[in-house]
Amino acid sequence: MCEQEERPTDEILIAQLCQLNERIRLYTSRLWQVPFLYITAIAVFNAASTEKTDKLLLQATSVALMLLGAVILYIIRTYEVRILQIGKDIESIEADLSLVESIEEQPVLPYYFVASFGLLASLASFWVYLGKSLESLKFW
C-alpha cells in the first residue's frame, strides 16, 4: 500500500522559512567578512614586519598566508554553494505558501577578487622577503 506524502501545514512552512532566512543572513554576512579578515591579516603581518625580523620567519609566514588564501577561496565557494541551496529552498517554500519570491541573486565574484588579491599580496611579500624586487616579476 502506497502512502501519500502530506503537505506540511502553513505554520510549519513559515517556521522553516524563518529558519532559512536566518541561515542565509548568517552565511551572507560571513561571505563578505572572511575575505576582508584575510586582507586585514596580511596588512597586519606586513606592517608588523621590520628589518630586524628573521627573513626565514617572514618567508614562512608569507607561505602560510598564501596557503590560507587557498583555504579562504574554498570557504567562499562553500558559502556560495550553501547560499544558493538555501535560496532554492526559500523559493520552494515561498511558492508553497503562494508568496512573492524574495530571493535576488547577489554577485559573489567581488569576494573572490578580494581573496585573490590577498593571495597575490602574500606572493609579493614572499618575493620581497626573498630579497627580490617587485620589478623583477615580469608577467609579460
N, C-alpha and C. Protein backbone atom coordinates (compact mmCIF):
# COMPACT_ATOMS: atom_id res chain seq x y z
N MET A 1 0.82 -1.17 0.00
CA MET A 1 0.00 0.00 0.00
C MET A 1 0.87 1.25 0.00
N CYS A 2 0.59 2.16 -0.86
CA CYS A 2 1.41 3.36 -1.02
C CYS A 2 0.78 4.52 -0.24
N GLU A 3 1.58 5.09 0.62
CA GLU A 3 1.10 6.23 1.39
C GLU A 3 1.43 7.52 0.67
N GLN A 4 0.51 8.44 0.67
CA GLN A 4 0.76 9.74 0.06
C GLN A 4 1.44 10.64 1.08
N GLU A 5 2.37 11.43 0.58
CA GLU A 5 3.03 12.40 1.46
C GLU A 5 2.07 13.55 1.71
N GLU A 6 1.97 13.90 2.97
CA GLU A 6 1.11 15.02 3.31
C GLU A 6 1.91 16.32 3.22
N ARG A 7 1.26 17.33 2.72
CA ARG A 7 1.87 18.65 2.64
C ARG A 7 1.98 19.22 4.04
N PRO A 8 3.16 19.77 4.39
CA PRO A 8 3.29 20.38 5.72
C PRO A 8 2.30 21.54 5.87
N THR A 9 1.92 21.80 7.10
CA THR A 9 1.00 22.91 7.35
C THR A 9 1.70 24.24 7.10
N ASP A 10 0.88 25.26 6.94
CA ASP A 10 1.44 26.59 6.69
C ASP A 10 2.31 27.06 7.86
N GLU A 11 1.94 26.69 9.07
CA GLU A 11 2.73 27.10 10.24
C GLU A 11 4.13 26.48 10.19
N ILE A 12 4.18 25.21 9.79
CA ILE A 12 5.48 24.55 9.67
C ILE A 12 6.31 25.19 8.57
N LEU A 13 5.69 25.48 7.44
CA LEU A 13 6.41 26.12 6.33
C LEU A 13 6.91 27.50 6.72
N ILE A 14 6.10 28.24 7.47
CA ILE A 14 6.52 29.58 7.91
C ILE A 14 7.70 29.47 8.87
N ALA A 15 7.66 28.48 9.76
CA ALA A 15 8.78 28.28 10.68
C ALA A 15 10.05 27.91 9.91
N GLN A 16 9.91 27.04 8.90
CA GLN A 16 11.07 26.68 8.07
C GLN A 16 11.60 27.90 7.32
N LEU A 17 10.70 28.71 6.82
CA LEU A 17 11.09 29.92 6.09
C LEU A 17 11.87 30.87 6.99
N CYS A 18 11.43 31.02 8.23
CA CYS A 18 12.15 31.88 9.18
C CYS A 18 13.54 31.34 9.45
N GLN A 19 13.66 30.04 9.66
CA GLN A 19 14.97 29.42 9.90
C GLN A 19 15.89 29.59 8.70
N LEU A 20 15.36 29.38 7.51
CA LEU A 20 16.19 29.53 6.31
C LEU A 20 16.62 30.97 6.11
N ASN A 21 15.74 31.92 6.42
CA ASN A 21 16.11 33.34 6.31
C ASN A 21 17.23 33.69 7.28
N GLU A 22 17.16 33.15 8.50
CA GLU A 22 18.24 33.40 9.47
C GLU A 22 19.55 32.78 8.99
N ARG A 23 19.47 31.58 8.45
CA ARG A 23 20.67 30.89 7.99
C ARG A 23 21.30 31.62 6.80
N ILE A 24 20.48 32.09 5.87
CA ILE A 24 21.04 32.78 4.70
C ILE A 24 21.67 34.11 5.11
N ARG A 25 21.10 34.78 6.11
CA ARG A 25 21.71 36.02 6.62
C ARG A 25 23.06 35.73 7.25
N LEU A 26 23.15 34.64 7.99
CA LEU A 26 24.42 34.25 8.61
C LEU A 26 25.49 33.99 7.55
N TYR A 27 25.14 33.21 6.54
CA TYR A 27 26.13 32.88 5.51
C TYR A 27 26.53 34.10 4.68
N THR A 28 25.57 34.97 4.36
CA THR A 28 25.94 36.15 3.58
C THR A 28 26.80 37.12 4.38
N SER A 29 26.56 37.20 5.69
CA SER A 29 27.42 38.08 6.49
C SER A 29 28.84 37.50 6.57
N ARG A 30 28.95 36.20 6.70
CA ARG A 30 30.28 35.57 6.73
C ARG A 30 30.96 35.66 5.37
N LEU A 31 30.16 35.64 4.32
CA LEU A 31 30.73 35.66 2.97
C LEU A 31 31.57 36.90 2.73
N TRP A 32 31.13 38.05 3.22
CA TRP A 32 31.93 39.26 2.99
C TRP A 32 32.98 39.45 4.09
N GLN A 33 32.75 38.89 5.29
CA GLN A 33 33.70 39.07 6.38
C GLN A 33 34.99 38.29 6.17
N VAL A 34 34.88 37.08 5.65
CA VAL A 34 36.04 36.19 5.54
C VAL A 34 37.15 36.77 4.65
N PRO A 35 36.87 37.22 3.42
CA PRO A 35 37.98 37.74 2.61
C PRO A 35 38.58 39.03 3.17
N PHE A 36 37.76 39.86 3.79
CA PHE A 36 38.30 41.11 4.34
C PHE A 36 39.11 40.85 5.61
N LEU A 37 38.76 39.85 6.36
CA LEU A 37 39.57 39.45 7.51
C LEU A 37 40.93 38.94 7.03
N TYR A 38 40.93 38.21 5.94
CA TYR A 38 42.18 37.72 5.34
C TYR A 38 43.07 38.88 4.91
N ILE A 39 42.50 39.86 4.23
CA ILE A 39 43.26 41.04 3.79
C ILE A 39 43.82 41.78 5.01
N THR A 40 43.02 41.89 6.07
CA THR A 40 43.48 42.55 7.29
C THR A 40 44.66 41.81 7.90
N ALA A 41 44.60 40.48 7.93
CA ALA A 41 45.70 39.69 8.47
C ALA A 41 46.98 39.92 7.68
N ILE A 42 46.87 40.01 6.38
CA ILE A 42 48.05 40.26 5.54
C ILE A 42 48.61 41.65 5.82
N ALA A 43 47.72 42.64 5.93
CA ALA A 43 48.17 44.01 6.20
C ALA A 43 48.86 44.11 7.55
N VAL A 44 48.30 43.46 8.57
CA VAL A 44 48.91 43.50 9.90
C VAL A 44 50.27 42.80 9.87
N PHE A 45 50.35 41.67 9.18
CA PHE A 45 51.62 40.96 9.08
C PHE A 45 52.69 41.83 8.42
N ASN A 46 52.35 42.45 7.30
CA ASN A 46 53.33 43.28 6.59
C ASN A 46 53.68 44.54 7.37
N ALA A 47 52.73 45.10 8.10
CA ALA A 47 53.02 46.29 8.90
C ALA A 47 53.90 45.95 10.10
N ALA A 48 53.73 44.75 10.65
CA ALA A 48 54.49 44.36 11.83
C ALA A 48 55.90 43.88 11.51
N SER A 49 56.13 43.52 10.26
CA SER A 49 57.46 43.02 9.91
C SER A 49 58.44 44.20 9.82
N THR A 50 59.61 44.00 10.38
CA THR A 50 60.64 45.02 10.36
C THR A 50 61.91 44.44 9.76
N GLU A 51 62.89 45.27 9.61
CA GLU A 51 64.16 44.79 9.07
C GLU A 51 64.86 43.85 10.05
N LYS A 52 64.52 43.95 11.34
CA LYS A 52 65.16 43.09 12.33
C LYS A 52 64.52 41.70 12.41
N THR A 53 63.37 41.55 11.79
CA THR A 53 62.68 40.26 11.83
C THR A 53 63.44 39.25 10.97
N ASP A 54 63.52 38.03 11.47
CA ASP A 54 64.21 36.96 10.76
C ASP A 54 63.58 36.72 9.39
N LYS A 55 64.41 36.70 8.33
CA LYS A 55 63.89 36.53 6.96
C LYS A 55 63.19 35.19 6.80
N LEU A 56 63.72 34.14 7.42
CA LEU A 56 63.10 32.83 7.29
C LEU A 56 61.69 32.83 7.90
N LEU A 57 61.53 33.52 9.02
CA LEU A 57 60.22 33.64 9.64
C LEU A 57 59.26 34.40 8.72
N LEU A 58 59.74 35.47 8.12
CA LEU A 58 58.91 36.24 7.20
C LEU A 58 58.50 35.41 5.99
N GLN A 59 59.44 34.64 5.45
CA GLN A 59 59.13 33.80 4.29
C GLN A 59 58.13 32.71 4.66
N ALA A 60 58.33 32.08 5.81
CA ALA A 60 57.41 31.02 6.24
C ALA A 60 56.01 31.58 6.49
N THR A 61 55.93 32.77 7.08
CA THR A 61 54.63 33.38 7.34
C THR A 61 53.96 33.75 6.02
N SER A 62 54.72 34.22 5.06
CA SER A 62 54.15 34.54 3.74
C SER A 62 53.59 33.29 3.07
N VAL A 63 54.33 32.20 3.17
CA VAL A 63 53.85 30.94 2.59
C VAL A 63 52.57 30.50 3.31
N ALA A 64 52.55 30.62 4.64
CA ALA A 64 51.34 30.26 5.41
C ALA A 64 50.15 31.12 5.00
N LEU A 65 50.39 32.40 4.75
CA LEU A 65 49.31 33.29 4.32
C LEU A 65 48.83 32.93 2.92
N MET A 66 49.74 32.47 2.05
CA MET A 66 49.32 32.02 0.72
C MET A 66 48.44 30.78 0.83
N LEU A 67 48.83 29.84 1.68
CA LEU A 67 48.02 28.64 1.89
C LEU A 67 46.67 29.00 2.49
N LEU A 68 46.69 29.95 3.41
CA LEU A 68 45.43 30.42 3.99
C LEU A 68 44.54 31.03 2.91
N GLY A 69 45.14 31.70 1.95
CA GLY A 69 44.38 32.28 0.84
C GLY A 69 43.66 31.21 0.03
N ALA A 70 44.33 30.08 -0.20
CA ALA A 70 43.68 28.98 -0.91
C ALA A 70 42.50 28.45 -0.10
N VAL A 71 42.68 28.35 1.20
CA VAL A 71 41.60 27.89 2.08
C VAL A 71 40.44 28.89 2.06
N ILE A 72 40.77 30.17 2.05
CA ILE A 72 39.74 31.22 2.02
C ILE A 72 38.93 31.12 0.72
N LEU A 73 39.58 30.88 -0.40
CA LEU A 73 38.86 30.71 -1.66
C LEU A 73 37.91 29.52 -1.58
N TYR A 74 38.36 28.44 -0.95
CA TYR A 74 37.50 27.27 -0.77
C TYR A 74 36.31 27.60 0.14
N ILE A 75 36.55 28.35 1.19
CA ILE A 75 35.47 28.73 2.11
C ILE A 75 34.44 29.60 1.40
N ILE A 76 34.91 30.53 0.58
CA ILE A 76 33.99 31.39 -0.18
C ILE A 76 33.12 30.53 -1.09
N ARG A 77 33.73 29.58 -1.76
CA ARG A 77 32.97 28.69 -2.64
C ARG A 77 31.93 27.87 -1.85
N THR A 78 32.33 27.39 -0.67
CA THR A 78 31.42 26.62 0.17
C THR A 78 30.22 27.48 0.58
N TYR A 79 30.48 28.70 1.01
CA TYR A 79 29.39 29.60 1.39
C TYR A 79 28.49 29.90 0.19
N GLU A 80 29.09 30.08 -0.98
CA GLU A 80 28.31 30.37 -2.18
C GLU A 80 27.35 29.21 -2.48
N VAL A 81 27.86 27.99 -2.41
CA VAL A 81 27.01 26.81 -2.67
C VAL A 81 25.88 26.71 -1.65
N ARG A 82 26.21 26.94 -0.38
CA ARG A 82 25.18 26.87 0.67
C ARG A 82 24.12 27.95 0.48
N ILE A 83 24.54 29.14 0.13
CA ILE A 83 23.59 30.24 -0.08
C ILE A 83 22.67 29.92 -1.24
N LEU A 84 23.23 29.39 -2.32
CA LEU A 84 22.40 29.04 -3.48
C LEU A 84 21.38 27.96 -3.12
N GLN A 85 21.79 26.95 -2.35
CA GLN A 85 20.87 25.89 -1.96
C GLN A 85 19.77 26.42 -1.05
N ILE A 86 20.15 27.25 -0.09
CA ILE A 86 19.13 27.83 0.81
C ILE A 86 18.18 28.72 0.02
N GLY A 87 18.71 29.45 -0.97
CA GLY A 87 17.86 30.28 -1.81
C GLY A 87 16.82 29.46 -2.56
N LYS A 88 17.24 28.30 -3.07
CA LYS A 88 16.28 27.40 -3.76
C LYS A 88 15.23 26.89 -2.78
N ASP A 89 15.66 26.56 -1.56
CA ASP A 89 14.71 26.08 -0.56
C ASP A 89 13.71 27.17 -0.19
N ILE A 90 14.20 28.40 -0.06
CA ILE A 90 13.31 29.52 0.26
C ILE A 90 12.30 29.74 -0.86
N GLU A 91 12.78 29.70 -2.10
CA GLU A 91 11.87 29.87 -3.25
C GLU A 91 10.80 28.79 -3.27
N SER A 92 11.18 27.57 -2.94
CA SER A 92 10.22 26.46 -2.93
C SER A 92 9.15 26.68 -1.86
N ILE A 93 9.58 27.09 -0.67
CA ILE A 93 8.61 27.33 0.41
C ILE A 93 7.72 28.52 0.08
N GLU A 94 8.31 29.57 -0.49
CA GLU A 94 7.50 30.74 -0.86
C GLU A 94 6.46 30.36 -1.91
N ALA A 95 6.82 29.47 -2.83
CA ALA A 95 5.86 29.02 -3.83
C ALA A 95 4.74 28.20 -3.18
N ASP A 96 5.11 27.35 -2.20
CA ASP A 96 4.10 26.56 -1.50
C ASP A 96 3.14 27.44 -0.71
N LEU A 97 3.64 28.56 -0.21
CA LEU A 97 2.81 29.49 0.57
C LEU A 97 2.15 30.56 -0.32
N SER A 98 2.38 30.48 -1.62
CA SER A 98 1.85 31.46 -2.58
C SER A 98 2.32 32.88 -2.27
N LEU A 99 3.58 32.99 -1.88
CA LEU A 99 4.17 34.31 -1.61
C LEU A 99 4.96 34.78 -2.83
N VAL A 100 5.21 36.07 -2.87
CA VAL A 100 6.05 36.64 -3.92
C VAL A 100 7.50 36.26 -3.62
N GLU A 101 8.23 35.85 -4.64
CA GLU A 101 9.62 35.45 -4.42
C GLU A 101 10.44 36.63 -3.91
N SER A 102 11.23 36.38 -2.88
CA SER A 102 12.01 37.46 -2.26
C SER A 102 13.51 37.30 -2.47
N ILE A 103 13.91 36.24 -3.13
CA ILE A 103 15.33 35.96 -3.31
C ILE A 103 15.84 36.64 -4.58
N GLU A 104 16.90 37.39 -4.42
CA GLU A 104 17.59 38.01 -5.56
C GLU A 104 19.02 37.52 -5.56
N GLU A 105 19.54 37.21 -6.72
CA GLU A 105 20.93 36.77 -6.79
C GLU A 105 21.85 37.97 -6.59
N GLN A 106 22.85 37.76 -5.75
CA GLN A 106 23.84 38.79 -5.48
C GLN A 106 25.17 38.34 -6.06
N PRO A 107 25.96 39.27 -6.57
CA PRO A 107 27.25 38.88 -7.14
C PRO A 107 28.22 38.40 -6.06
N VAL A 108 28.89 37.31 -6.34
CA VAL A 108 29.86 36.74 -5.41
C VAL A 108 31.28 36.98 -5.91
N LEU A 109 31.41 37.29 -7.17
CA LEU A 109 32.72 37.47 -7.79
C LEU A 109 33.62 38.47 -7.06
N PRO A 110 33.10 39.60 -6.56
CA PRO A 110 33.99 40.53 -5.85
C PRO A 110 34.70 39.91 -4.65
N TYR A 111 34.05 38.97 -3.97
CA TYR A 111 34.69 38.32 -2.82
C TYR A 111 35.86 37.45 -3.28
N TYR A 112 35.70 36.81 -4.43
CA TYR A 112 36.81 36.05 -5.00
C TYR A 112 37.96 36.98 -5.37
N PHE A 113 37.63 38.16 -5.91
CA PHE A 113 38.67 39.12 -6.27
C PHE A 113 39.45 39.59 -5.04
N VAL A 114 38.73 39.86 -3.96
CA VAL A 114 39.39 40.32 -2.73
C VAL A 114 40.34 39.24 -2.21
N ALA A 115 39.86 38.00 -2.15
CA ALA A 115 40.70 36.91 -1.66
C ALA A 115 41.88 36.66 -2.60
N SER A 116 41.65 36.76 -3.90
CA SER A 116 42.74 36.57 -4.87
C SER A 116 43.78 37.68 -4.75
N PHE A 117 43.30 38.90 -4.49
CA PHE A 117 44.24 40.00 -4.25
C PHE A 117 45.12 39.70 -3.05
N GLY A 118 44.51 39.18 -1.99
CA GLY A 118 45.28 38.81 -0.80
C GLY A 118 46.30 37.73 -1.10
N LEU A 119 45.91 36.78 -1.91
CA LEU A 119 46.83 35.71 -2.32
C LEU A 119 48.01 36.29 -3.08
N LEU A 120 47.75 37.22 -3.99
CA LEU A 120 48.83 37.86 -4.76
C LEU A 120 49.69 38.75 -3.86
N ALA A 121 49.07 39.40 -2.89
CA ALA A 121 49.83 40.23 -1.95
C ALA A 121 50.76 39.36 -1.11
N SER A 122 50.30 38.19 -0.72
CA SER A 122 51.15 37.26 0.04
C SER A 122 52.31 36.78 -0.82
N LEU A 123 52.03 36.51 -2.09
CA LEU A 123 53.09 36.09 -3.01
C LEU A 123 54.11 37.21 -3.18
N ALA A 124 53.63 38.44 -3.31
CA ALA A 124 54.54 39.58 -3.44
C ALA A 124 55.38 39.75 -2.18
N SER A 125 54.77 39.56 -1.01
CA SER A 125 55.52 39.66 0.25
C SER A 125 56.61 38.60 0.30
N PHE A 126 56.27 37.40 -0.09
CA PHE A 126 57.25 36.31 -0.10
C PHE A 126 58.40 36.66 -1.03
N TRP A 127 58.07 37.20 -2.20
CA TRP A 127 59.08 37.56 -3.19
C TRP A 127 60.02 38.64 -2.62
N VAL A 128 59.44 39.63 -1.96
CA VAL A 128 60.24 40.71 -1.37
C VAL A 128 61.12 40.16 -0.26
N TYR A 129 60.56 39.27 0.58
CA TYR A 129 61.34 38.71 1.68
C TYR A 129 62.42 37.75 1.20
N LEU A 130 62.33 37.31 -0.04
CA LEU A 130 63.42 36.53 -0.64
C LEU A 130 64.58 37.44 -1.04
N GLY A 131 64.33 38.73 -1.02
CA GLY A 131 65.37 39.68 -1.37
C GLY A 131 65.27 40.16 -2.81
N LYS A 132 64.20 39.80 -3.46
CA LYS A 132 63.99 40.22 -4.85
C LYS A 132 63.19 41.51 -4.85
N SER A 133 63.23 42.19 -5.98
CA SER A 133 62.41 43.39 -6.12
C SER A 133 61.14 43.03 -6.88
N LEU A 134 60.11 43.80 -6.65
CA LEU A 134 58.87 43.55 -7.36
C LEU A 134 59.00 43.82 -8.85
N GLU A 135 59.99 44.66 -9.23
CA GLU A 135 60.18 44.96 -10.63
C GLU A 135 60.71 43.75 -11.40
N SER A 136 61.30 42.80 -10.68
CA SER A 136 61.84 41.62 -11.36
C SER A 136 60.74 40.62 -11.70
N LEU A 137 59.52 40.84 -11.19
CA LEU A 137 58.40 39.98 -11.56
C LEU A 137 57.86 40.47 -12.90
N LYS A 138 58.07 39.73 -13.94
CA LYS A 138 57.57 40.13 -15.25
C LYS A 138 56.50 39.13 -15.67
N PHE A 139 55.31 39.66 -15.92
CA PHE A 139 54.19 38.80 -16.31
C PHE A 139 53.95 38.81 -17.82
N TRP A 140 54.72 39.56 -18.54
CA TRP A 140 54.52 39.61 -19.99
C TRP A 140 55.78 39.35 -20.72
